[in-house]
C-alpha atoms as a PDB file:
ATOM      1  CA  UNK A   1     100.772-100.917  93.564  1.00  0.00           C
ATOM      2  CA  UNK A   2      98.927-103.820  95.122  1.00  0.00           C
ATOM      3  CA  UNK A   3      96.443-104.272  92.308  1.00  0.00           C
ATOM      4  CA  UNK A   4      92.877-103.212  91.669  1.00  0.00           C
ATOM      5  CA  UNK A   5      91.496-100.153  93.403  1.00  0.00           C
ATOM      6  CA  UNK A   6      87.820-100.959  93.087  1.00  0.00           C
ATOM      7  CA  UNK A   7      87.151 -98.567  90.240  1.00  0.00           C
ATOM      8  CA  UNK A   8      85.601-101.092  87.874  1.00  0.00           C
ATOM      9  CA  UNK A   9      81.952-101.997  87.481  1.00  0.00           C
ATOM     10  CA  UNK A  10      80.720-105.367  88.674  1.00  0.00           C
ATOM     11  CA  UNK A  11      78.075-107.076  86.623  1.00  0.00           C
ATOM     12  CA  UNK A  12      75.764-108.529  89.262  1.00  0.00           C
ATOM     13  CA  UNK A  13      72.253-109.674  88.413  1.00  0.00           C
ATOM     14  CA  UNK A  14      69.604-107.380  89.796  1.00  0.00           C
ATOM     15  CA  UNK A  15      71.931-105.793  92.337  1.00  0.00           C
ATOM     16  CA  UNK A  16      71.379-102.118  93.061  1.00  0.00           C
ATOM     17  CA  UNK A  17      74.816-101.840  94.654  1.00  0.00           C
ATOM     18  CA  UNK A  18      77.306 -99.916  92.542  1.00  0.00           C
ATOM     19  CA  UNK A  19      80.802-101.444  92.739  1.00  0.00           C
ATOM     20  CA  UNK A  20      82.890 -98.481  91.604  1.00  0.00           C
ATOM     21  CA  UNK A  21      83.349 -97.097  95.100  1.00  0.00           C
ATOM     22  CA  UNK A  22      86.674 -96.966  96.863  1.00  0.00           C
ATOM     23  CA  UNK A  23      88.141 -96.287 100.294  1.00  0.00           C
ATOM     24  CA  UNK A  24      91.156 -93.992 100.261  1.00  0.00           C
ATOM     25  CA  UNK A  25      93.004 -94.734 103.517  1.00  0.00           C
ATOM     26  CA  UNK A  26      95.384 -91.827 104.169  1.00  0.00           C
ATOM     27  CA  UNK A  27      98.005 -92.713 106.738  1.00  0.00           C
ATOM     28  CA  UNK A  28     101.072 -91.004 108.119  1.00  0.00           C
ATOM     29  CA  UNK A  29     102.333 -89.263 111.214  1.00  0.00           C
ATOM     30  CA  UNK A  30     100.295 -86.496 112.770  1.00  0.00           C
ATOM     31  CA  UNK A  31     101.206 -83.272 110.984  1.00  0.00           C
ATOM     32  CA  UNK A  32     102.077 -85.020 107.706  1.00  0.00           C
ATOM     33  CA  UNK A  33      99.477 -83.095 105.686  1.00  0.00           C
ATOM     34  CA  UNK A  34      96.699 -85.669 105.326  1.00  0.00           C
ATOM     35  CA  UNK A  35      93.867 -83.279 106.219  1.00  0.00           C
ATOM     36  CA  UNK A  36      95.351 -80.491 104.088  1.00  0.00           C
ATOM     37  CA  UNK A  37      95.519 -82.719 101.009  1.00  0.00           C
ATOM     38  CA  UNK A  38      92.016 -84.037 101.697  1.00  0.00           C
ATOM     39  CA  UNK A  39      90.630 -80.486 101.742  1.00  0.00           C
ATOM     40  CA  UNK A  40      92.110 -79.949  98.258  1.00  0.00           C
ATOM     41  CA  UNK A  41      91.105 -83.370  96.886  1.00  0.00           C
ATOM     42  CA  UNK A  42      87.421 -83.416  97.869  1.00  0.00           C
ATOM     43  CA  UNK A  43      86.283 -80.519  95.619  1.00  0.00           C
ATOM     44  CA  UNK A  44      88.183 -82.012  92.663  1.00  0.00           C
ATOM     45  CA  UNK A  45      86.379 -85.330  93.051  1.00  0.00           C
ATOM     46  CA  UNK A  46      82.997 -83.675  93.636  1.00  0.00           C
ATOM     47  CA  UNK A  47      83.473 -81.520  90.516  1.00  0.00           C
ATOM     48  CA  UNK A  48      83.767 -84.784  88.597  1.00  0.00           C
ATOM     49  CA  UNK A  49      80.415 -85.963  89.923  1.00  0.00           C
ATOM     50  CA  UNK A  50      81.707 -88.288  92.641  1.00  0.00           C
ATOM     51  CA  UNK A  51      80.055 -88.643  96.031  1.00  0.00           C
ATOM     52  CA  UNK A  52      82.758 -88.183  98.679  1.00  0.00           C
ATOM     53  CA  UNK A  53      82.562 -88.900 102.403  1.00  0.00           C
ATOM     54  CA  UNK A  54      85.452 -87.765 104.588  1.00  0.00           C
ATOM     55  CA  UNK A  55      86.020 -89.766 107.762  1.00  0.00           C
ATOM     56  CA  UNK A  56      88.483 -87.675 109.722  1.00  0.00           C
ATOM     57  CA  UNK A  57      87.645 -86.867 113.326  1.00  0.00           C
ATOM     58  CA  UNK A  58      84.791 -88.946 114.748  1.00  0.00           C
ATOM     59  CA  UNK A  59      82.230 -86.652 116.424  1.00  0.00           C
ATOM     60  CA  UNK A  60      81.769 -87.110 120.164  1.00  0.00           C
ATOM     61  CA  UNK A  61      78.125 -88.139 119.730  1.00  0.00           C
ATOM     62  CA  UNK A  62      79.066 -91.083 117.523  1.00  0.00           C
ATOM     63  CA  UNK A  63      81.534 -92.541 120.021  1.00  0.00           C
ATOM     64  CA  UNK A  64      80.664 -95.225 122.535  1.00  0.00           C
ATOM     65  CA  UNK A  65      81.155 -93.923 126.053  1.00  0.00           C
ATOM     66  CA  UNK A  66      83.264 -96.913 127.068  1.00  0.00           C
ATOM     67  CA  UNK A  67      85.175 -97.262 123.799  1.00  0.00           C
ATOM     68  CA  UNK A  68      88.701 -96.148 124.515  1.00  0.00           C
ATOM     69  CA  UNK A  69      90.555 -98.396 122.102  1.00  0.00           C
ATOM     70  CA  UNK A  70      91.834 -96.519 119.062  1.00  0.00           C
ATOM     71  CA  UNK A  71      91.928 -99.891 117.284  1.00  0.00           C
ATOM     72  CA  UNK A  72      88.172-100.336 117.668  1.00  0.00           C
ATOM     73  CA  UNK A  73      87.564 -96.773 116.507  1.00  0.00           C
ATOM     74  CA  UNK A  74      89.632 -97.345 113.375  1.00  0.00           C
ATOM     75  CA  UNK A  75      87.936-100.650 112.578  1.00  0.00           C
ATOM     76  CA  UNK A  76      84.580 -98.913 112.954  1.00  0.00           C
ATOM     77  CA  UNK A  77      85.852 -96.224 110.565  1.00  0.00           C
ATOM     78  CA  UNK A  78      86.878 -98.980 108.123  1.00  0.00           C
ATOM     79  CA  UNK A  79      83.405-100.513 108.335  1.00  0.00           C
ATOM     80  CA  UNK A  80      81.739 -97.173 107.528  1.00  0.00           C
ATOM     81  CA  UNK A  81      84.226 -96.653 104.674  1.00  0.00           C
ATOM     82  CA  UNK A  82      83.314-100.089 103.333  1.00  0.00           C
ATOM     83  CA  UNK A  83      79.622 -99.203 103.326  1.00  0.00           C
ATOM     84  CA  UNK A  84      80.278 -95.934 101.481  1.00  0.00           C
ATOM     85  CA  UNK A  85      82.431 -97.708  98.872  1.00  0.00           C
ATOM     86  CA  UNK A  86      79.938-100.572  98.561  1.00  0.00           C
ATOM     87  CA  UNK A  87      77.313 -98.066  97.470  1.00  0.00           C
ATOM     88  CA  UNK A  88      79.554 -96.403  94.889  1.00  0.00           C
ATOM     89  CA  UNK A  89      80.934 -93.525  96.933  1.00  0.00           C
ATOM     90  CA  UNK A  90      84.463 -92.541  97.736  1.00  0.00           C
ATOM     91  CA  UNK A  91      85.391 -92.577 101.402  1.00  0.00           C
ATOM     92  CA  UNK A  92      88.524 -90.755 102.444  1.00  0.00           C
ATOM     93  CA  UNK A  93      89.780 -91.933 105.821  1.00  0.00           C
ATOM     94  CA  UNK A  94      92.236 -89.506 107.358  1.00  0.00           C
ATOM     95  CA  UNK A  95      94.045 -91.339 110.131  1.00  0.00           C
ATOM     96  CA  UNK A  96      97.457 -91.875 111.679  1.00  0.00           C
ATOM     97  CA  UNK A  97      96.825 -95.654 112.090  1.00  0.00           C
ATOM     98  CA  UNK A  98     100.345 -96.217 113.347  1.00  0.00           C
ATOM     99  CA  UNK A  99     100.244-100.034 113.391  1.00  0.00           C
ATOM    100  CA  UNK A 100     100.742-102.013 110.172  1.00  0.00           C
ATOM    101  CA  UNK A 101      98.577-104.869 111.466  1.00  0.00           C
ATOM    102  CA  UNK A 102      95.698-102.478 112.060  1.00  0.00           C
ATOM    103  CA  UNK A 103      95.955-101.070 108.522  1.00  0.00           C
ATOM    104  CA  UNK A 104      95.888-104.605 107.141  1.00  0.00           C
ATOM    105  CA  UNK A 105      92.815-105.361 109.243  1.00  0.00           C
ATOM    106  CA  UNK A 106      91.128-102.222 107.883  1.00  0.00           C
ATOM    107  CA  UNK A 107      92.023-103.392 104.356  1.00  0.00           C
ATOM    108  CA  UNK A 108      90.331-106.730 105.019  1.00  0.00           C
ATOM    109  CA  UNK A 109      87.208-105.013 106.433  1.00  0.00           C
ATOM    110  CA  UNK A 110      86.891-102.727 103.404  1.00  0.00           C
ATOM    111  CA  UNK A 111      87.988-105.348 100.871  1.00  0.00           C
ATOM    112  CA  UNK A 112      91.255-105.628  98.960  1.00  0.00           C
ATOM    113  CA  UNK A 113      89.679-104.467  95.692  1.00  0.00           C
ATOM    114  CA  UNK A 114      88.211-101.287  97.220  1.00  0.00           C
ATOM    115  CA  UNK A 115      91.077-100.196  99.507  1.00  0.00           C
ATOM    116  CA  UNK A 116      93.704 -97.679  98.420  1.00  0.00           C
ATOM    117  CA  UNK A 117      96.411 -96.964 101.016  1.00  0.00           C
ATOM    118  CA  UNK A 118      98.181 -93.635 100.645  1.00  0.00           C
ATOM    119  CA  UNK A 119     101.193 -93.094 102.884  1.00  0.00           C
ATOM    120  CA  UNK A 120     102.203 -89.518 103.677  1.00  0.00           C
ATOM    121  CA  UNK A 121     105.966 -89.831 104.173  1.00  0.00           C
ATOM    122  CA  UNK A 122     107.127 -87.073 106.472  1.00  0.00           C
ATOM    123  CA  UNK A 123     110.136 -87.219 108.784  1.00  0.00           C
ATOM    124  CA  UNK A 124     109.258 -87.144 112.467  1.00  0.00           C
ATOM    125  CA  UNK A 125     111.013 -83.819 113.083  1.00  0.00           C
ATOM    126  CA  UNK A 126     109.057 -82.110 110.266  1.00  0.00           C
ATOM    127  CA  UNK A 127     105.699 -83.382 111.535  1.00  0.00           C
ATOM    128  CA  UNK A 128     106.560 -82.311 115.104  1.00  0.00           C
ATOM    129  CA  UNK A 129     107.434 -78.824 113.866  1.00  0.00           C
ATOM    130  CA  UNK A 130     104.128 -78.572 111.991  1.00  0.00           C
ATOM    131  CA  UNK A 131     102.177 -79.728 115.032  1.00  0.00           C
ATOM    132  CA  UNK A 132     103.854 -77.104 117.211  1.00  0.00           C
ATOM    133  CA  UNK A 133     102.786 -74.268 114.879  1.00  0.00           C
ATOM    134  CA  UNK A 134      99.104 -75.205 114.876  1.00  0.00           C
ATOM    135  CA  UNK A 135      96.814 -72.438 116.082  1.00  0.00           C
ATOM    136  CA  UNK A 136      94.560 -74.315 118.463  1.00  0.00           C
ATOM    137  CA  UNK A 137      95.740 -75.748 121.758  1.00  0.00           C
ATOM    138  CA  UNK A 138      94.011 -78.688 123.397  1.00  0.00           C
ATOM    139  CA  UNK A 139      92.280 -78.168 126.751  1.00  0.00           C
ATOM    140  CA  UNK A 140      94.505 -78.053 129.822  1.00  0.00           C
ATOM    141  CA  UNK A 141      93.363 -81.477 131.078  1.00  0.00           C
ATOM    142  CA  UNK A 142      94.360 -83.102 127.781  1.00  0.00           C
ATOM    143  CA  UNK A 143      97.762 -81.376 127.813  1.00  0.00           C
ATOM    144  CA  UNK A 144      98.376 -82.615 131.368  1.00  0.00           C
ATOM    145  CA  UNK A 145      97.479 -86.198 130.374  1.00  0.00           C
ATOM    146  CA  UNK A 146      99.955 -85.962 127.487  1.00  0.00           C
ATOM    147  CA  UNK A 147     102.688 -84.739 129.817  1.00  0.00           C
ATOM    148  CA  UNK A 148     102.003 -87.626 132.204  1.00  0.00           C
ATOM    149  CA  UNK A 149     102.172 -90.125 129.317  1.00  0.00           C
ATOM    150  CA  UNK A 150     105.453 -88.629 128.112  1.00  0.00           C
ATOM    151  CA  UNK A 151     106.901 -88.879 131.617  1.00  0.00           C
ATOM    152  CA  UNK A 152     105.915 -92.565 131.810  1.00  0.00           C
ATOM    153  CA  UNK A 153     107.499 -93.210 128.393  1.00  0.00           C
ATOM    154  CA  UNK A 154     110.782 -91.492 129.287  1.00  0.00           C
ATOM    155  CA  UNK A 155     113.627 -93.640 128.043  1.00  0.00           C
ATOM    156  CA  UNK A 156     111.417 -95.686 125.739  1.00  0.00           C
ATOM    157  CA  UNK A 157     111.192 -95.405 121.985  1.00  0.00           C
ATOM    158  CA  UNK A 158     108.981 -92.396 121.210  1.00  0.00           C
ATOM    159  CA  UNK A 159     108.403 -92.731 117.468  1.00  0.00           C
ATOM    160  CA  UNK A 160     106.222 -95.812 117.227  1.00  0.00           C
ATOM    161  CA  UNK A 161     104.752 -95.252 113.751  1.00  0.00           C
ATOM    162  CA  UNK A 162     105.218 -98.359 111.589  1.00  0.00           C
ATOM    163  CA  UNK A 163     105.734 -97.243 107.996  1.00  0.00           C
ATOM    164  CA  UNK A 164     103.694 -99.201 105.440  1.00  0.00           C
ATOM    165  CA  UNK A 165     105.703-101.875 103.631  1.00  0.00           C
ATOM    166  CA  UNK A 166     103.746-101.651 100.366  1.00  0.00           C
ATOM    167  CA  UNK A 167     101.367 -98.690 100.217  1.00  0.00           C
ATOM    168  CA  UNK A 168      99.486 -98.115  96.984  1.00  0.00           C
ATOM    169  CA  UNK A 169     100.882 -94.572  96.799  1.00  0.00           C
ATOM    170  CA  UNK A 170     103.553 -92.625  98.711  1.00  0.00           C
ATOM    171  CA  UNK A 171     103.254 -88.839  99.017  1.00  0.00           C
ATOM    172  CA  UNK A 172     106.399 -87.053 100.192  1.00  0.00           C
ATOM    173  CA  UNK A 173     105.198 -84.075 102.233  1.00  0.00           C
ATOM    174  CA  UNK A 174     108.543 -83.257 103.834  1.00  0.00           C
ATOM    175  CA  UNK A 175     108.952 -79.964 101.944  1.00  0.00           C
END
């Protein structure tokens, strides 16, 4: 564990901001089970009187038209998570966030004392199998773009997920 998770009260003078909020940053390969676990966790937290905001897929209306960088999208998600935690809520960010540097940047945006990184450890072959059994297929144009990207990457390293060096919690979802 890295240390505090932001679950303690802060004794500020006259501040209406509740400091017991936290950002739960769920990371792992696509198909690792992050969304599935989130769906089970949210009702448990809400039953205990906690306000929970899930930041999973960003709706199309909230995206900038010209924003194509996944890094900028994730930093924006971290900023929203920080605001939720700053006001005493629990934000659950469900994201692949494949780059360690990006996760560390998100941690600094949210704040070390309010950031809890949970790594869903799933072997690449297991997550690929889970993805292939999903019911919904993306639109044809998106599938064609993926094929073109795969063709360009031929011969290069495919699995580019950087496993966290020191997550606050590791969940083995390989079974």
